[in-house]
Amino acid sequence: MKVWGRTRRKKKDRWGNRLAIIGISVVVVSLGVVVNLKSASMKKKDLEYQAREETLMKQVEQEESRAAELEEYRVYVQTKQYIEEVAKQKLGLVMPDEILLKPVPKN
């Protein structure tokens, strides 16, 4: 009778081992699926961030060129030529040695 009890115990141990292996396999497969899904979402976010980075770099270049233009304009505004130009156009002033010719209106 002891022999019969041992074989029954061995069968229970085999089923227990098989269930443990199946359980571990299920856990590993589910972890693999989760990692794969997260990897796909991370790749999508990476592409979005790359596109955003490109647009921001373009904006930086545009702002740098605008800053250079503004610096050139600031230097131009401080010149004598600009002051004379504004005095002539907006204030209607003329230099002492200039002669103003006005057209005669036709009746």
PDB file of N, CA and C in Angstrom:
ATOM      1  N   MET A   1       0.784  -1.183   0.000  1.00  0.00           N
ATOM      2  CA  MET A   1       0.000   0.000   0.000  1.00  0.00           C
ATOM      3  C   MET A   1       0.836   1.263   0.000  1.00  0.00           C
ATOM      4  N   LYS A   2       1.949   1.171   0.517  1.00  0.00           N
ATOM      5  CA  LYS A   2       2.810   2.343   0.540  1.00  0.00           C
ATOM      6  C   LYS A   2       3.216   2.758  -0.866  1.00  0.00           C
ATOM      7  N   VAL A   3       3.375   1.811  -1.731  1.00  0.00           N
ATOM      8  CA  VAL A   3       3.762   2.119  -3.098  1.00  0.00           C
ATOM      9  C   VAL A   3       2.666   2.921  -3.784  1.00  0.00           C
ATOM     10  N   TRP A   4       1.419   2.484  -3.528  1.00  0.00           N
ATOM     11  CA  TRP A   4       0.303   3.171  -4.138  1.00  0.00           C
ATOM     12  C   TRP A   4       0.204   4.621  -3.633  1.00  0.00           C
ATOM     13  N   GLY A   5       0.483   4.898  -2.419  1.00  0.00           N
ATOM     14  CA  GLY A   5       0.445   6.241  -1.843  1.00  0.00           C
ATOM     15  C   GLY A   5       1.539   7.127  -2.421  1.00  0.00           C
ATOM     16  N   ARG A   6       2.674   6.551  -2.682  1.00  0.00           N
ATOM     17  CA  ARG A   6       3.775   7.337  -3.246  1.00  0.00           C
ATOM     18  C   ARG A   6       3.474   7.774  -4.667  1.00  0.00           C
ATOM     19  N   THR A   7       2.923   6.926  -5.477  1.00  0.00           N
ATOM     20  CA  THR A   7       2.612   7.292  -6.858  1.00  0.00           C
ATOM     21  C   THR A   7       1.550   8.376  -6.900  1.00  0.00           C
ATOM     22  N   ARG A   8       0.588   8.290  -5.972  1.00  0.00           N
ATOM     23  CA  ARG A   8      -0.440   9.323  -5.923  1.00  0.00           C
ATOM     24  C   ARG A   8       0.190  10.671  -5.561  1.00  0.00           C
ATOM     25  N   ARG A   9       1.132  10.665  -4.636  1.00  0.00           N
ATOM     26  CA  ARG A   9       1.820  11.871  -4.227  1.00  0.00           C
ATOM     27  C   ARG A   9       2.663  12.431  -5.374  1.00  0.00           C
ATOM     28  N   LYS A  10       3.308  11.564  -6.130  1.00  0.00           N
ATOM     29  CA  LYS A  10       4.112  11.998  -7.270  1.00  0.00           C
ATOM     30  C   LYS A  10       3.228  12.653  -8.327  1.00  0.00           C
ATOM     31  N   LYS A  11       2.025  12.066  -8.555  1.00  0.00           N
ATOM     32  CA  LYS A  11       1.113  12.653  -9.524  1.00  0.00           C
ATOM     33  C   LYS A  11       0.675  14.042  -9.070  1.00  0.00           C
ATOM     34  N   LYS A  12       0.398  14.217  -7.770  1.00  0.00           N
ATOM     35  CA  LYS A  12       0.016  15.529  -7.253  1.00  0.00           C
ATOM     36  C   LYS A  12       1.173  16.515  -7.416  1.00  0.00           C
ATOM     37  N   ASP A  13       2.386  16.086  -7.163  1.00  0.00           N
ATOM     38  CA  ASP A  13       3.560  16.948  -7.314  1.00  0.00           C
ATOM     39  C   ASP A  13       3.751  17.356  -8.764  1.00  0.00           C
ATOM     40  N   ARG A  14       3.516  16.423  -9.696  1.00  0.00           N
ATOM     41  CA  ARG A  14       3.662  16.743 -11.116  1.00  0.00           C
ATOM     42  C   ARG A  14       2.648  17.808 -11.523  1.00  0.00           C
ATOM     43  N   TRP A  15       1.386  17.641 -11.084  1.00  0.00           N
ATOM     44  CA  TRP A  15       0.363  18.640 -11.410  1.00  0.00           C
ATOM     45  C   TRP A  15       0.699  19.992 -10.778  1.00  0.00           C
ATOM     46  N   GLY A  16       1.211  19.950  -9.589  1.00  0.00           N
ATOM     47  CA  GLY A  16       1.611  21.195  -8.919  1.00  0.00           C
ATOM     48  C   GLY A  16       2.736  21.881  -9.671  1.00  0.00           C
ATOM     49  N   ASN A  17       3.706  21.128 -10.130  1.00  0.00           N
ATOM     50  CA  ASN A  17       4.811  21.698 -10.906  1.00  0.00           C
ATOM     51  C   ASN A  17       4.306  22.250 -12.236  1.00  0.00           C
ATOM     52  N   ARG A  18       3.422  21.503 -12.877  1.00  0.00           N
ATOM     53  CA  ARG A  18       2.882  21.954 -14.158  1.00  0.00           C
ATOM     54  C   ARG A  18       2.082  23.247 -13.983  1.00  0.00           C
ATOM     55  N   LEU A  19       1.272  23.322 -12.964  1.00  0.00           N
ATOM     56  CA  LEU A  19       0.491  24.530 -12.710  1.00  0.00           C
ATOM     57  C   LEU A  19       1.408  25.725 -12.400  1.00  0.00           C
ATOM     58  N   ALA A  20       2.466  25.482 -11.669  1.00  0.00           N
ATOM     59  CA  ALA A  20       3.418  26.556 -11.365  1.00  0.00           C
ATOM     60  C   ALA A  20       4.090  27.048 -12.642  1.00  0.00           C
ATOM     61  N   ILE A  21       4.484  26.124 -13.493  1.00  0.00           N
ATOM     62  CA  ILE A  21       5.129  26.492 -14.759  1.00  0.00           C
ATOM     63  C   ILE A  21       4.143  27.248 -15.648  1.00  0.00           C
ATOM     64  N   ILE A  22       2.905  26.794 -15.704  1.00  0.00           N
ATOM     65  CA  ILE A  22       1.887  27.478 -16.507  1.00  0.00           C
ATOM     66  C   ILE A  22       1.636  28.876 -15.945  1.00  0.00           C
ATOM     67  N   GLY A  23       1.540  28.984 -14.643  1.00  0.00           N
ATOM     68  CA  GLY A  23       1.331  30.298 -14.013  1.00  0.00           C
ATOM     69  C   GLY A  23       2.472  31.253 -14.301  1.00  0.00           C
ATOM     70  N   ILE A  24       3.678  30.787 -14.183  1.00  0.00           N
ATOM     71  CA  ILE A  24       4.853  31.625 -14.464  1.00  0.00           C
ATOM     72  C   ILE A  24       4.867  32.024 -15.934  1.00  0.00           C
ATOM     73  N   SER A  25       4.519  31.073 -16.801  1.00  0.00           N
ATOM     74  CA  SER A  25       4.486  31.377 -18.236  1.00  0.00           C
ATOM     75  C   SER A  25       3.451  32.457 -18.538  1.00  0.00           C
ATOM     76  N   VAL A  26       2.281  32.380 -17.913  1.00  0.00           N
ATOM     77  CA  VAL A  26       1.242  33.382 -18.121  1.00  0.00           C
ATOM     78  C   VAL A  26       1.724  34.760 -17.658  1.00  0.00           C
ATOM     79  N   VAL A  27       2.377  34.797 -16.521  1.00  0.00           N
ATOM     80  CA  VAL A  27       2.897  36.069 -16.004  1.00  0.00           C
ATOM     81  C   VAL A  27       3.950  36.645 -16.951  1.00  0.00           C
ATOM     82  N   VAL A  28       4.850  35.828 -17.443  1.00  0.00           N
ATOM     83  CA  VAL A  28       5.903  36.298 -18.349  1.00  0.00           C
ATOM     84  C   VAL A  28       5.303  36.802 -19.657  1.00  0.00           C
ATOM     85  N   VAL A  29       4.344  36.073 -20.198  1.00  0.00           N
ATOM     86  CA  VAL A  29       3.702  36.494 -21.450  1.00  0.00           C
ATOM     87  C   VAL A  29       2.951  37.805 -21.245  1.00  0.00           C
ATOM     88  N   SER A  30       2.227  37.925 -20.135  1.00  0.00           N
ATOM     89  CA  SER A  30       1.486  39.170 -19.883  1.00  0.00           C
ATOM     90  C   SER A  30       2.456  40.341 -19.697  1.00  0.00           C
ATOM     91  N   LEU A  31       3.569  40.132 -19.042  1.00  0.00           N
ATOM     92  CA  LEU A  31       4.581  41.192 -18.923  1.00  0.00           C
ATOM     93  C   LEU A  31       5.130  41.579 -20.290  1.00  0.00           C
ATOM     94  N   GLY A  32       5.344  40.584 -21.140  1.00  0.00           N
ATOM     95  CA  GLY A  32       5.817  40.866 -22.499  1.00  0.00           C
ATOM     96  C   GLY A  32       4.833  41.718 -23.278  1.00  0.00           C
ATOM     97  N   VAL A  33       3.547  41.408 -23.150  1.00  0.00           N
ATOM     98  CA  VAL A  33       2.509  42.176 -23.845  1.00  0.00           C
ATOM     99  C   VAL A  33       2.479  43.612 -23.323  1.00  0.00           C
ATOM    100  N   VAL A  34       2.536  43.783 -22.016  1.00  0.00           N
ATOM    101  CA  VAL A  34       2.508  45.123 -21.419  1.00  0.00           C
ATOM    102  C   VAL A  34       3.719  45.933 -21.867  1.00  0.00           C
ATOM    103  N   VAL A  35       4.877  45.319 -21.858  1.00  0.00           N
ATOM    104  CA  VAL A  35       6.096  46.023 -22.282  1.00  0.00           C
ATOM    105  C   VAL A  35       5.990  46.411 -23.754  1.00  0.00           C
ATOM    106  N   ASN A  36       5.448  45.545 -24.571  1.00  0.00           N
ATOM    107  CA  ASN A  36       5.293  45.836 -25.998  1.00  0.00           C
ATOM    108  C   ASN A  36       4.344  47.009 -26.214  1.00  0.00           C
ATOM    109  N   LEU A  37       3.226  47.025 -25.503  1.00  0.00           N
ATOM    110  CA  LEU A  37       2.273  48.124 -25.631  1.00  0.00           C
ATOM    111  C   LEU A  37       2.887  49.449 -25.169  1.00  0.00           C
ATOM    112  N   LYS A  38       3.588  49.420 -24.058  1.00  0.00           N
ATOM    113  CA  LYS A  38       4.240  50.639 -23.563  1.00  0.00           C
ATOM    114  C   LYS A  38       5.311  51.109 -24.542  1.00  0.00           C
ATOM    115  N   SER A  39       6.006  50.172 -25.136  1.00  0.00           N
ATOM    116  CA  SER A  39       7.036  50.514 -26.111  1.00  0.00           C
ATOM    117  C   SER A  39       6.418  51.229 -27.305  1.00  0.00           C
ATOM    118  N   ALA A  40       5.277  50.759 -27.763  1.00  0.00           N
ATOM    119  CA  ALA A  40       4.610  51.391 -28.902  1.00  0.00           C
ATOM    120  C   ALA A  40       4.164  52.809 -28.551  1.00  0.00           C
ATOM    121  N   SER A  41       3.619  52.992 -27.357  1.00  0.00           N
ATOM    122  CA  SER A  41       3.186  54.336 -26.964  1.00  0.00           C
ATOM    123  C   SER A  41       4.388  55.263 -26.776  1.00  0.00           C
ATOM    124  N   MET A  42       5.487  54.733 -26.291  1.00  0.00           N
ATOM    125  CA  MET A  42       6.699  55.555 -26.120  1.00  0.00           C
ATOM    126  C   MET A  42       7.265  55.969 -27.482  1.00  0.00           C
ATOM    127  N   LYS A  43       7.202  55.089 -28.461  1.00  0.00           N
ATOM    128  CA  LYS A  43       7.670  55.440 -29.809  1.00  0.00           C
ATOM    129  C   LYS A  43       6.805  56.545 -30.395  1.00  0.00           C
ATOM    130  N   LYS A  44       5.497  56.468 -30.177  1.00  0.00           N
ATOM    131  CA  LYS A  44       4.579  57.486 -30.670  1.00  0.00           C
ATOM    132  C   LYS A  44       4.895  58.834 -30.019  1.00  0.00           C
ATOM    133  N   LYS A  45       5.103  58.835 -28.717  1.00  0.00           N
ATOM    134  CA  LYS A  45       5.444  60.073 -28.017  1.00  0.00           C
ATOM    135  C   LYS A  45       6.777  60.615 -28.502  1.00  0.00           C
ATOM    136  N   ASP A  46       7.722  59.726 -28.776  1.00  0.00           N
ATOM    137  CA  ASP A  46       9.026  60.155 -29.266  1.00  0.00           C
ATOM    138  C   ASP A  46       8.891  60.867 -30.604  1.00  0.00           C
ATOM    139  N   LEU A  47       8.068  60.331 -31.487  1.00  0.00           N
ATOM    140  CA  LEU A  47       7.844  60.981 -32.784  1.00  0.00           C
ATOM    141  C   LEU A  47       7.189  62.350 -32.603  1.00  0.00           C
ATOM    142  N   GLU A  48       6.238  62.444 -31.682  1.00  0.00           N
ATOM    143  CA  GLU A  48       5.595  63.730 -31.413  1.00  0.00           C
ATOM    144  C   GLU A  48       6.608  64.738 -30.881  1.00  0.00           C
ATOM    145  N   TYR A  49       7.453  64.295 -29.973  1.00  0.00           N
ATOM    146  CA  TYR A  49       8.464  65.187 -29.404  1.00  0.00           C
ATOM    147  C   TYR A  49       9.488  65.622 -30.451  1.00  0.00           C
ATOM    148  N   GLN A  50       9.828  64.733 -31.369  1.00  0.00           N
ATOM    149  CA  GLN A  50      10.761  65.108 -32.427  1.00  0.00           C
ATOM    150  C   GLN A  50      10.144  66.171 -33.332  1.00  0.00           C
ATOM    151  N   ALA A  51       8.876  66.007 -33.670  1.00  0.00           N
ATOM    152  CA  ALA A  51       8.198  67.007 -34.503  1.00  0.00           C
ATOM    153  C   ALA A  51       8.119  68.340 -33.773  1.00  0.00           C
ATOM    154  N   ARG A  52       7.818  68.294 -32.497  1.00  0.00           N
ATOM    155  CA  ARG A  52       7.748  69.529 -31.701  1.00  0.00           C
ATOM    156  C   ARG A  52       9.119  70.195 -31.615  1.00  0.00           C
ATOM    157  N   GLU A  53      10.151  69.388 -31.446  1.00  0.00           N
ATOM    158  CA  GLU A  53      11.508  69.930 -31.376  1.00  0.00           C
ATOM    159  C   GLU A  53      11.881  70.630 -32.686  1.00  0.00           C
ATOM    160  N   GLU A  54      11.504  70.046 -33.818  1.00  0.00           N
ATOM    161  CA  GLU A  54      11.804  70.659 -35.112  1.00  0.00           C
ATOM    162  C   GLU A  54      11.094  72.003 -35.254  1.00  0.00           C
ATOM    163  N   THR A  55       9.825  72.062 -34.861  1.00  0.00           N
ATOM    164  CA  THR A  55       9.102  73.333 -34.962  1.00  0.00           C
ATOM    165  C   THR A  55       9.704  74.374 -34.031  1.00  0.00           C
ATOM    166  N   LEU A  56      10.116  73.965 -32.849  1.00  0.00           N
ATOM    167  CA  LEU A  56      10.729  74.908 -31.915  1.00  0.00           C
ATOM    168  C   LEU A  56      12.077  75.403 -32.430  1.00  0.00           C
ATOM    169  N   MET A  57      12.828  74.520 -33.077  1.00  0.00           N
ATOM    170  CA  MET A  57      14.113  74.943 -33.648  1.00  0.00           C
ATOM    171  C   MET A  57      13.892  75.960 -34.764  1.00  0.00           C
ATOM    172  N   LYS A  58      12.858  75.758 -35.589  1.00  0.00           N
ATOM    173  CA  LYS A  58      12.539  76.723 -36.637  1.00  0.00           C
ATOM    174  C   LYS A  58      12.152  78.061 -36.035  1.00  0.00           C
ATOM    175  N   GLN A  59      11.380  78.026 -34.951  1.00  0.00           N
ATOM    176  CA  GLN A  59      10.989  79.265 -34.287  1.00  0.00           C
ATOM    177  C   GLN A  59      12.204  79.981 -33.713  1.00  0.00           C
ATOM    178  N   VAL A  60      13.139  79.229 -33.168  1.00  0.00           N
ATOM    179  CA  VAL A  60      14.356  79.832 -32.616  1.00  0.00           C
ATOM    180  C   VAL A  60      15.144  80.520 -33.731  1.00  0.00           C
ATOM    181  N   GLU A  61      15.267  79.849 -34.880  1.00  0.00           N
ATOM    182  CA  GLU A  61      15.989  80.447 -36.008  1.00  0.00           C
ATOM    183  C   GLU A  61      15.302  81.722 -36.484  1.00  0.00           C
ATOM    184  N   GLN A  62      13.970  81.702 -36.554  1.00  0.00           N
ATOM    185  CA  GLN A  62      13.227  82.881 -36.981  1.00  0.00           C
ATOM    186  C   GLN A  62      13.424  84.032 -35.996  1.00  0.00           C
ATOM    187  N   GLU A  63      13.388  83.730 -34.727  1.00  0.00           N
ATOM    188  CA  GLU A  63      13.553  84.780 -33.719  1.00  0.00           C
ATOM    189  C   GLU A  63      14.981  85.333 -33.723  1.00  0.00           C
ATOM    190  N   GLU A  64      15.953  84.467 -33.993  1.00  0.00           N
ATOM    191  CA  GLU A  64      17.339  84.947 -34.076  1.00  0.00           C
ATOM    192  C   GLU A  64      17.515  85.876 -35.275  1.00  0.00           C
ATOM    193  N   SER A  65      16.910  85.523 -36.418  1.00  0.00           N
ATOM    194  CA  SER A  65      17.017  86.401 -37.590  1.00  0.00           C
ATOM    195  C   SER A  65      16.269  87.704 -37.340  1.00  0.00           C
ATOM    196  N   ARG A  66      15.140  87.632 -36.657  1.00  0.00           N
ATOM    197  CA  ARG A  66      14.387  88.848 -36.320  1.00  0.00           C
ATOM    198  C   ARG A  66      15.192  89.729 -35.371  1.00  0.00           C
ATOM    199  N   ALA A  67      15.882  89.120 -34.419  1.00  0.00           N
ATOM    200  CA  ALA A  67      16.711  89.879 -33.484  1.00  0.00           C
ATOM    201  C   ALA A  67      17.851  90.574 -34.232  1.00  0.00           C
ATOM    202  N   ALA A  68      18.421  89.885 -35.228  1.00  0.00           N
ATOM    203  CA  ALA A  68      19.495  90.503 -36.018  1.00  0.00           C
ATOM    204  C   ALA A  68      18.947  91.685 -36.815  1.00  0.00           C
ATOM    205  N   GLU A  69      17.753  91.544 -37.396  1.00  0.00           N
ATOM    206  CA  GLU A  69      17.144  92.652 -38.145  1.00  0.00           C
ATOM    207  C   GLU A  69      16.863  93.837 -37.233  1.00  0.00           C
ATOM    208  N   LEU A  70      16.365  93.551 -36.043  1.00  0.00           N
ATOM    209  CA  LEU A  70      16.083  94.631 -35.093  1.00  0.00           C
ATOM    210  C   LEU A  70      17.360  95.340 -34.655  1.00  0.00           C
ATOM    211  N   GLU A  71      18.425  94.585 -34.521  1.00  0.00           N
ATOM    212  CA  GLU A  71      19.711  95.196 -34.148  1.00  0.00           C
ATOM    213  C   GLU A  71      20.200  96.108 -35.268  1.00  0.00           C
ATOM    214  N   GLU A  72      20.062  95.652 -36.524  1.00  0.00           N
ATOM    215  CA  GLU A  72      20.444  96.491 -37.660  1.00  0.00           C
ATOM    216  C   GLU A  72      19.589  97.757 -37.708  1.00  0.00           C
ATOM    217  N   TYR A  73      18.302  97.627 -37.435  1.00  0.00           N
ATOM    218  CA  TYR A  73      17.412  98.787 -37.442  1.00  0.00           C
ATOM    219  C   TYR A  73      17.769  99.748 -36.300  1.00  0.00           C
ATOM    220  N   ARG A  74      18.122  99.202 -35.143  1.00  0.00           N
ATOM    221  CA  ARG A  74      18.522 100.044 -34.012  1.00  0.00           C
ATOM    222  C   ARG A  74      19.753 100.868 -34.358  1.00  0.00           C
ATOM    223  N   VAL A  75      20.705 100.249 -35.032  1.00  0.00           N
ATOM    224  CA  VAL A  75      21.910 100.970 -35.441  1.00  0.00           C
ATOM    225  C   VAL A  75      21.552 102.027 -36.480  1.00  0.00           C
ATOM    226  N   TYR A  76      20.665 101.696 -37.413  1.00  0.00           N
ATOM    227  CA  TYR A  76      20.260 102.635 -38.463  1.00  0.00           C
ATOM    228  C   TYR A  76      19.528 103.839 -37.864  1.00  0.00           C
ATOM    229  N   VAL A  77      18.694 103.601 -36.867  1.00  0.00           N
ATOM    230  CA  VAL A  77      17.928 104.680 -36.242  1.00  0.00           C
ATOM    231  C   VAL A  77      18.859 105.704 -35.585  1.00  0.00           C
ATOM    232  N   GLN A  78      20.016 105.288 -35.169  1.00  0.00           N
ATOM    233  CA  GLN A  78      20.948 106.189 -34.498  1.00  0.00           C
ATOM    234  C   GLN A  78      21.821 106.975 -35.477  1.00  0.00           C
ATOM    235  N   THR A  79      21.676 106.761 -36.762  1.00  0.00           N
ATOM    236  CA  THR A  79      22.508 107.460 -37.738  1.00  0.00           C
ATOM    237  C   THR A  79      21.910 108.818 -38.093  1.00  0.00           C
ATOM    238  N   LYS A  80      22.766 109.678 -38.639  1.00  0.00           N
ATOM    239  CA  LYS A  80      22.355 111.014 -39.050  1.00  0.00           C
ATOM    240  C   LYS A  80      21.414 110.938 -40.254  1.00  0.00           C
ATOM    241  N   GLN A  81      21.645 109.996 -41.123  1.00  0.00           N
ATOM    242  CA  GLN A  81      20.816 109.827 -42.312  1.00  0.00           C
ATOM    243  C   GLN A  81      19.362 109.574 -41.920  1.00  0.00           C
ATOM    244  N   TYR A  82      19.133 108.730 -40.926  1.00  0.00           N
ATOM    245  CA  TYR A  82      17.771 108.429 -40.484  1.00  0.00           C
ATOM    246  C   TYR A  82      17.120 109.672 -39.887  1.00  0.00           C
ATOM    247  N   ILE A  83      17.852 110.410 -39.101  1.00  0.00           N
ATOM    248  CA  ILE A  83      17.306 111.616 -38.478  1.00  0.00           C
ATOM    249  C   ILE A  83      16.884 112.620 -39.543  1.00  0.00           C
ATOM    250  N   GLU A  84      17.721 112.819 -40.565  1.00  0.00           N
ATOM    251  CA  GLU A  84      17.374 113.733 -41.650  1.00  0.00           C
ATOM    252  C   GLU A  84      16.142 113.242 -42.411  1.00  0.00           C
ATOM    253  N   GLU A  85      16.090 111.961 -42.651  1.00  0.00           N
ATOM    254  CA  GLU A  85      14.970 111.380 -43.386  1.00  0.00           C
ATOM    255  C   GLU A  85      13.647 111.586 -42.642  1.00  0.00           C
ATOM    256  N   VAL A  86      13.647 111.349 -41.340  1.00  0.00           N
ATOM    257  CA  VAL A  86      12.442 111.537 -40.542  1.00  0.00           C
ATOM    258  C   VAL A  86      12.074 113.013 -40.486  1.00  0.00           C
ATOM    259  N   ALA A  87      13.055 113.893 -40.360  1.00  0.00           N
ATOM    260  CA  ALA A  87      12.779 115.328 -40.303  1.00  0.00           C
ATOM    261  C   ALA A  87      12.136 115.797 -41.607  1.00  0.00           C
ATOM    262  N   LYS A  88      12.582 115.271 -42.735  1.00  0.00           N
ATOM    263  CA  LYS A  88      12.017 115.663 -44.025  1.00  0.00           C
ATOM    264  C   LYS A  88      10.610 115.096 -44.209  1.00  0.00           C
ATOM    265  N   GLN A  89      10.433 113.824 -43.940  1.00  0.00           N
ATOM    266  CA  GLN A  89       9.168 113.165 -44.222  1.00  0.00           C
ATOM    267  C   GLN A  89       8.061 113.551 -43.234  1.00  0.00           C
ATOM    268  N   LYS A  90       8.351 113.483 -41.968  1.00  0.00           N
ATOM    269  CA  LYS A  90       7.294 113.664 -40.975  1.00  0.00           C
ATOM    270  C   LYS A  90       7.134 115.113 -40.525  1.00  0.00           C
ATOM    271  N   LEU A  91       8.246 115.821 -40.473  1.00  0.00           N
ATOM    272  CA  LEU A  91       8.172 117.187 -39.964  1.00  0.00           C
ATOM    273  C   LEU A  91       8.173 118.230 -41.070  1.00  0.00           C
ATOM    274  N   GLY A  92       8.537 117.844 -42.279  1.00  0.00           N
ATOM    275  CA  GLY A  92       8.558 118.768 -43.409  1.00  0.00           C
ATOM    276  C   GLY A  92       9.717 119.749 -43.361  1.00  0.00           C
ATOM    277  N   LEU A  93      10.756 119.435 -42.652  1.00  0.00           N
ATOM    278  CA  LEU A  93      11.925 120.316 -42.557  1.00  0.00           C
ATOM    279  C   LEU A  93      12.830 120.117 -43.768  1.00  0.00           C
ATOM    280  N   VAL A  94      13.633 121.170 -44.073  1.00  0.00           N
ATOM    281  CA  VAL A  94      14.600 121.084 -45.166  1.00  0.00           C
ATOM    282  C   VAL A  94      15.937 121.611 -44.664  1.00  0.00           C
ATOM    283  N   MET A  95      16.968 121.216 -45.345  1.00  0.00           N
ATOM    284  CA  MET A  95      18.313 121.704 -44.998  1.00  0.00           C
ATOM    285  C   MET A  95      18.421 123.162 -45.450  1.00  0.00           C
ATOM    286  N   PRO A  96      19.292 123.955 -44.822  1.00  0.00           N
ATOM    287  CA  PRO A  96      19.408 125.372 -45.172  1.00  0.00           C
ATOM    288  C   PRO A  96      19.821 125.602 -46.630  1.00  0.00           C
ATOM    289  N   ASP A  97      20.592 124.719 -47.214  1.00  0.00           N
ATOM    290  CA  ASP A  97      21.057 124.921 -48.587  1.00  0.00           C
ATOM    291  C   ASP A  97      20.145 124.269 -49.632  1.00  0.00           C
ATOM    292  N   GLU A  98      19.038 123.698 -49.233  1.00  0.00           N
ATOM    293  CA  GLU A  98      18.119 123.056 -50.170  1.00  0.00           C
ATOM    294  C   GLU A  98      17.054 124.051 -50.635  1.00  0.00           C
ATOM    295  N   ILE A  99      16.634 123.884 -51.862  1.00  0.00           N
ATOM    296  CA  ILE A  99      15.583 124.700 -52.436  1.00  0.00           C
ATOM    297  C   ILE A  99      14.378 123.802 -52.663  1.00  0.00           C
ATOM    298  N   LEU A 100      13.258 124.258 -52.164  1.00  0.00           N
ATOM    299  CA  LEU A 100      12.043 123.498 -52.308  1.00  0.00           C
ATOM    300  C   LEU A 100      11.280 123.967 -53.537  1.00  0.00           C
ATOM    301  N   LEU A 101      10.917 123.046 -54.381  1.00  0.00           N
ATOM    302  CA  LEU A 101      10.114 123.363 -55.552  1.00  0.00           C
ATOM    303  C   LEU A 101       8.754 122.729 -55.381  1.00  0.00           C
ATOM    304  N   LYS A 102       7.747 123.593 -55.452  1.00  0.00           N
ATOM    305  CA  LYS A 102       6.390 123.096 -55.311  1.00  0.00           C
ATOM    306  C   LYS A 102       5.706 123.220 -56.648  1.00  0.00           C
ATOM    307  N   PRO A 103       4.975 122.202 -57.059  1.00  0.00           N
ATOM    308  CA  PRO A 103       4.257 122.300 -58.334  1.00  0.00           C
ATOM    309  C   PRO A 103       3.103 123.296 -58.238  1.00  0.00           C
ATOM    310  N   VAL A 104       2.875 123.992 -59.340  1.00  0.00           N
ATOM    311  CA  VAL A 104       1.789 124.956 -59.398  1.00  0.00           C
ATOM    312  C   VAL A 104       0.502 124.201 -59.689  1.00  0.00           C
ATOM    313  N   PRO A 105      -0.510 124.398 -58.880  1.00  0.00           N
ATOM    314  CA  PRO A 105      -1.754 123.694 -59.134  1.00  0.00           C
ATOM    315  C   PRO A 105      -2.445 124.232 -60.389  1.00  0.00           C
ATOM    316  N   LYS A 106      -2.997 123.359 -61.170  1.00  0.00           N
ATOM    317  CA  LYS A 106      -3.731 123.743 -62.374  1.00  0.00           C
ATOM    318  C   LYS A 106      -5.149 124.128 -61.991  1.00  0.00           C
ATOM    319  N   ASN A 107      -5.589 125.218 -62.589  1.00  0.00           N
ATOM    320  CA  ASN A 107      -6.947 125.701 -62.278  1.00  0.00           C
ATOM    321  C   ASN A 107      -7.974 124.946 -63.009  1.00  0.00           C
TER     322      ASN A 107
END
